[in-house]
Protein backbone atom coordinates (compact mmCIF):
# COMPACT_ATOMS: atom_id res chain seq x y z
CA MET A 1 -14.46 -4.86 -9.48
CA LYS A 2 -13.98 -3.76 -13.09
CA VAL A 3 -10.55 -4.62 -14.52
CA VAL A 4 -8.65 -3.61 -17.66
CA ILE A 5 -5.66 -5.76 -18.79
CA VAL A 6 -2.86 -4.00 -20.70
CA ASP A 7 -0.04 -6.05 -22.18
CA ASP A 8 1.49 -6.23 -25.65
CA GLU A 9 2.01 -10.00 -25.34
CA SER A 10 -1.06 -12.12 -26.07
CA LEU A 11 0.15 -14.99 -23.84
CA ALA A 12 0.56 -12.66 -20.89
CA ARG A 13 -2.99 -11.32 -21.41
CA GLU A 14 -4.35 -14.85 -21.67
CA ARG A 15 -2.67 -15.89 -18.37
CA LEU A 16 -4.11 -12.89 -16.55
CA ARG A 17 -7.50 -13.60 -17.99
CA ARG A 18 -7.40 -17.17 -16.63
CA LEU A 19 -6.25 -16.05 -13.21
CA LEU A 20 -8.92 -13.32 -13.00
CA ALA A 21 -11.60 -15.89 -13.87
CA GLU A 22 -10.97 -17.42 -10.39
CA HIS A 23 -12.31 -14.27 -8.69
CA ALA A 24 -16.08 -14.06 -8.69
CA ASP A 25 -16.25 -10.31 -8.05
CA VAL A 26 -13.97 -9.41 -10.98
CA GLN A 27 -15.39 -8.18 -14.28
CA LEU A 28 -12.95 -7.94 -17.17
CA VAL A 29 -14.17 -4.92 -19.13
CA ALA A 30 -11.30 -4.49 -21.63
CA GLU A 31 -8.13 -6.12 -22.84
CA VAL A 32 -5.66 -3.99 -24.81
CA ASP A 33 -2.06 -4.10 -26.01
CA SER A 34 -0.67 -0.56 -25.63
CA GLY A 35 -0.46 2.40 -23.29
CA ALA A 36 -2.56 4.64 -25.57
CA ALA A 37 -5.25 1.97 -25.86
CA ALA A 38 -5.22 1.66 -22.07
CA ILE A 39 -6.10 5.30 -21.63
CA ALA A 40 -8.93 5.03 -24.18
CA ALA A 41 -10.22 1.86 -22.49
CA CYS A 42 -10.22 3.54 -19.07
CA GLN A 43 -12.03 6.60 -20.36
CA ALA A 44 -14.68 4.30 -21.87
CA HIS A 45 -15.13 1.84 -19.04
CA ALA A 46 -14.06 3.64 -15.82
CA PRO A 47 -12.37 0.53 -14.38
CA ASP A 48 -11.46 0.11 -10.70
CA VAL A 49 -8.04 -1.32 -11.52
CA VAL A 50 -5.63 -1.55 -14.52
CA LEU A 51 -3.26 -4.57 -14.70
CA LEU A 52 -0.49 -2.76 -16.64
CA ASP A 53 2.61 -4.04 -18.33
CA ILE A 54 5.57 -1.63 -18.29
CA ALA A 55 7.78 -2.51 -21.24
CA MET A 56 5.57 -1.85 -24.29
CA PRO A 57 6.36 -0.17 -27.62
CA GLY A 58 5.24 3.46 -27.99
CA MET A 59 3.76 4.74 -24.73
CA ASP A 60 5.13 2.48 -21.97
CA GLY A 61 3.31 1.50 -18.80
CA LEU A 62 4.90 4.20 -16.64
CA GLN A 63 3.88 6.93 -19.04
CA ALA A 64 0.38 5.50 -19.25
CA ALA A 65 0.10 5.30 -15.48
CA ARG A 66 0.93 8.97 -15.13
CA GLN A 67 -1.85 9.84 -17.55
CA LEU A 68 -4.29 7.49 -15.88
CA ALA A 69 -3.68 9.26 -12.59
CA GLN A 70 -5.24 12.39 -14.11
CA LEU A 71 -8.59 10.68 -14.68
CA GLN A 72 -11.47 11.42 -12.30
CA PRO A 73 -11.59 9.16 -10.44
CA PRO A 74 -8.23 7.56 -11.25
CA PRO A 75 -8.15 3.74 -11.41
CA ALA A 76 -5.85 1.80 -9.19
CA VAL A 77 -2.75 0.63 -11.10
CA VAL A 78 -1.07 -2.76 -10.59
CA PHE A 79 2.06 -3.20 -12.74
CA CYS A 80 2.73 -6.62 -14.17
CA THR A 81 6.26 -6.87 -15.51
CA ALA A 82 9.27 -9.12 -16.01
CA TYR A 83 11.72 -6.45 -14.74
CA ASP A 84 12.15 -5.57 -11.08
CA ALA A 85 14.34 -2.54 -11.93
CA HIS A 86 11.18 -0.45 -12.40
CA ALA A 87 9.91 -0.81 -8.84
CA LEU A 88 10.83 2.68 -7.60
CA SER A 89 9.51 4.31 -10.76
CA ALA A 90 6.31 2.33 -10.38
CA PHE A 91 5.86 3.58 -6.76
CA GLU A 92 6.48 7.17 -7.94
CA ALA A 93 3.76 6.67 -10.55
CA ALA A 94 1.35 5.82 -7.67
CA ALA A 95 1.16 2.06 -8.36
CA LEU A 96 -0.85 0.13 -5.84
CA ASP A 97 1.19 -3.04 -6.33
CA TYR A 98 3.95 -4.46 -8.53
CA LEU A 99 3.81 -8.06 -9.73
CA MET A 100 6.62 -9.97 -11.30
CA LYS A 101 6.03 -12.24 -14.29
CA PRO A 102 5.19 -15.08 -14.39
CA ILE A 103 2.43 -13.86 -12.11
CA ARG A 104 1.57 -16.27 -9.32
CA PRO A 105 -2.13 -16.73 -8.43
CA GLU A 106 -1.51 -15.90 -4.75
CA ARG A 107 0.30 -12.61 -5.62
CA LEU A 108 -2.54 -11.60 -7.91
CA ALA A 109 -5.05 -12.41 -5.21
CA SER A 110 -3.07 -10.29 -2.78
CA ALA A 111 -3.02 -7.37 -5.21
CA LEU A 112 -6.75 -7.61 -5.78
CA ALA A 113 -7.33 -7.64 -2.00
CA ARG A 114 -5.27 -4.46 -1.80
CA VAL A 115 -7.41 -2.91 -4.53
CA ARG A 116 -10.57 -3.74 -2.57
CA THR A 117 -9.14 -1.98 0.47
CA PHE A 118 -8.12 0.94 -1.72
CA MET A 119 -11.66 1.19 -3.17
CA ALA A 120 -13.27 1.02 0.25
CA GLY A 121 -11.09 3.83 1.64
CA GLN A 122 -10.00 7.25 0.57
CA GLY A 123 -8.38 6.11 -2.59
CA ARG A 124 -11.49 6.44 -4.78
CA GLU A 125 -12.18 10.03 -3.77
CA GLY A 126 -10.05 11.41 -6.61
CA THR A 127 -6.51 12.46 -7.14
CA ARG A 128 -4.15 12.43 -4.17
CA GLN A 129 -4.07 15.54 -2.07
CA ALA A 130 -0.99 17.29 -0.72
CA GLY A 131 0.02 16.21 2.75
CA PRO A 132 1.21 13.00 4.43
CA ARG A 133 1.34 9.88 2.23
CA GLN A 134 -1.58 7.52 2.35
CA HIS A 135 0.72 4.49 1.97
CA LEU A 136 4.18 3.35 2.93
CA CYS A 137 6.26 1.40 0.42
CA ALA A 138 7.73 -1.96 1.31
CA ARG A 139 9.68 -4.38 -0.91
CA LEU A 140 9.42 -8.14 -0.74
CA ARG A 141 11.21 -10.60 -3.04
CA GLY A 142 11.19 -8.31 -6.02
CA SER A 143 7.68 -7.03 -5.58
CA LEU A 144 6.48 -3.63 -4.34
CA ARG A 145 3.89 -3.59 -1.55
CA LEU A 146 1.95 -0.48 -0.54
CA ILE A 147 0.70 -0.49 3.08
CA PRO A 148 -2.21 1.85 3.82
CA VAL A 149 -1.19 4.10 6.69
CA ALA A 150 -4.69 3.73 8.11
CA ASP A 151 -3.98 0.00 8.62
CA ILE A 152 -0.72 0.52 10.57
CA ARG A 153 -0.86 -0.32 14.28
CA TYR A 154 2.72 0.42 15.28
CA LEU A 155 6.17 1.07 13.84
CA GLN A 156 9.31 -0.36 15.46
CA ALA A 157 12.89 0.41 14.53
CA GLU A 158 15.22 -2.56 14.09
CA GLU A 159 18.79 -1.88 12.97
CA LYS A 160 18.61 0.10 9.68
CA TYR A 161 14.96 -0.75 8.92
CA VAL A 162 11.61 0.00 10.49
CA VAL A 163 9.19 -2.90 10.95
CA VAL A 164 5.61 -1.93 10.06
CA HIS A 165 3.02 -3.89 12.03
CA HIS A 166 -0.30 -3.57 10.27
CA ALA A 167 -3.67 -5.27 9.86
CA ARG A 168 -2.30 -7.93 7.44
CA GLY A 169 1.02 -8.71 9.06
CA GLN A 170 4.51 -7.18 9.04
CA ASP A 171 6.72 -5.50 6.45
CA LEU A 172 10.07 -3.70 6.38
CA VAL A 173 10.40 -0.13 5.12
CA GLU A 174 13.52 1.96 4.65
CA ASP A 175 12.07 5.18 6.08
CA SER A 176 13.64 6.18 9.41
CA LEU A 177 11.47 6.30 12.55
CA LYS A 178 12.19 10.02 12.95
CA THR A 179 11.12 10.72 9.39
CA LEU A 180 7.90 8.82 9.90
CA GLU A 181 7.28 10.68 13.21
CA ASP A 182 7.75 14.05 11.49
CA GLU A 183 5.40 13.14 8.64
CA PHE A 184 2.69 11.34 10.60
CA GLY A 185 2.90 13.05 14.02
CA THR A 186 -0.84 13.54 14.18
CA ARG A 187 -1.49 9.87 13.63
CA PHE A 188 1.30 8.23 15.65
CA VAL A 189 2.71 8.85 19.08
CA ARG A 190 6.16 7.93 20.32
CA ILE A 191 6.17 5.45 23.22
CA HIS A 192 9.87 4.61 23.18
CA ARG A 193 12.92 5.74 21.28
CA ASN A 194 12.38 2.79 18.93
CA CYS A 195 8.60 2.70 18.64
CA LEU A 196 5.65 4.74 17.37
CA VAL A 197 2.08 3.63 18.01
CA ALA A 198 -1.13 4.65 16.21
CA ARG A 199 -2.98 6.93 18.58
CA ASP A 200 -6.28 5.12 17.98
CA GLN A 201 -4.61 1.83 18.93
CA LEU A 202 -3.47 2.95 22.38
CA LEU A 203 -5.77 1.59 25.09
CA GLU A 204 -3.94 1.82 28.38
CA LEU A 205 -0.56 1.80 30.18
CA ARG A 206 0.11 -1.23 32.39
CA ARG A 207 2.79 -1.61 35.07
CA HIS A 208 5.13 -4.55 34.53
CA GLN A 209 8.27 -5.40 36.56
CA GLY A 210 8.88 -1.82 37.63
CA GLY A 211 8.26 -0.39 34.18
CA LEU A 212 5.33 0.43 31.88
CA GLN A 213 3.90 -1.35 28.90
CA ALA A 214 1.40 -0.09 26.35
CA VAL A 215 -1.71 -2.11 25.65
CA LEU A 216 -2.98 -1.85 22.02
CA ARG A 217 -6.50 -2.30 20.79
CA ASP A 218 -5.78 -4.87 18.04
CA GLU A 219 -2.39 -6.28 18.99
CA PRO A 220 -1.73 -8.86 21.68
CA GLN A 221 1.91 -7.79 21.95
CA LEU A 222 2.57 -5.47 24.97
CA LEU A 223 5.08 -2.74 24.04
CA GLU A 224 7.66 -1.17 26.32
CA VAL A 225 7.11 2.45 27.27
CA SER A 226 9.99 4.69 28.18
CA ARG A 227 9.83 6.96 31.25
CA ARG A 228 10.41 10.00 29.02
CA CYS A 229 7.35 9.23 26.93
CA ALA A 230 5.05 8.20 29.77
CA PRO A 231 3.73 11.68 30.80
CA GLN A 232 2.62 12.53 27.24
CA LEU A 233 0.91 9.14 26.89
CA ARG A 234 -0.95 9.49 30.18
CA GLN A 235 -2.15 12.92 29.03
CA LEU A 236 -3.30 11.49 25.74
CA LEU A 237 -5.21 8.66 27.46
CA ASP A 238 -6.81 11.15 29.84
CA GLY A 239 -8.10 13.10 26.88
CA GLY A 240 -5.65 15.96 27.29
């Protein structure tokens, strides 16, 4: 994994350099101190990921990220900043993750793991295409987490949030279940008024105490199925 560090503070660059040295598959190809230099470095080295500060003189990190997104293929961007106020702007700039300074080793490791998933999937095929999002955005203790839609097993509404159950655990998103159903209807199917399941996760329907439960491929949890949704689910499982 080729990495470029971008930060106008030498101590911040040094810390990232030390943390990256703990990852055997990481190759630091450039270390620069401005947004303009970041673009030049990426054009020269074609990195897989840019660890990008936001608050920099001249071209800031958000402006640089928008220009980096035009490269073919675009590098993954992980923002590294002392300010959590930029989280939404970072997501809009297609950031893969958002790390708060001082950056903790485990958070950097998590971000690099996300980059590896991104590289292995559709993310390296070029700029994003119109259509449903490839990721959902969750927030956790001041950080921004992007969850690949392909990794989601089911979505369950709880009060004003939706719990996303995915390959690496659970996260909360602010999207409504109805909005997610409208956007991702070809990928998810409703099994209950409060639950959508990935179609490729649905294995069978099982009777339980007079009702029905859905059995998922990669989840031990059995999920309640409403009577209204049952006919469509049976048709789907029968290949209709």
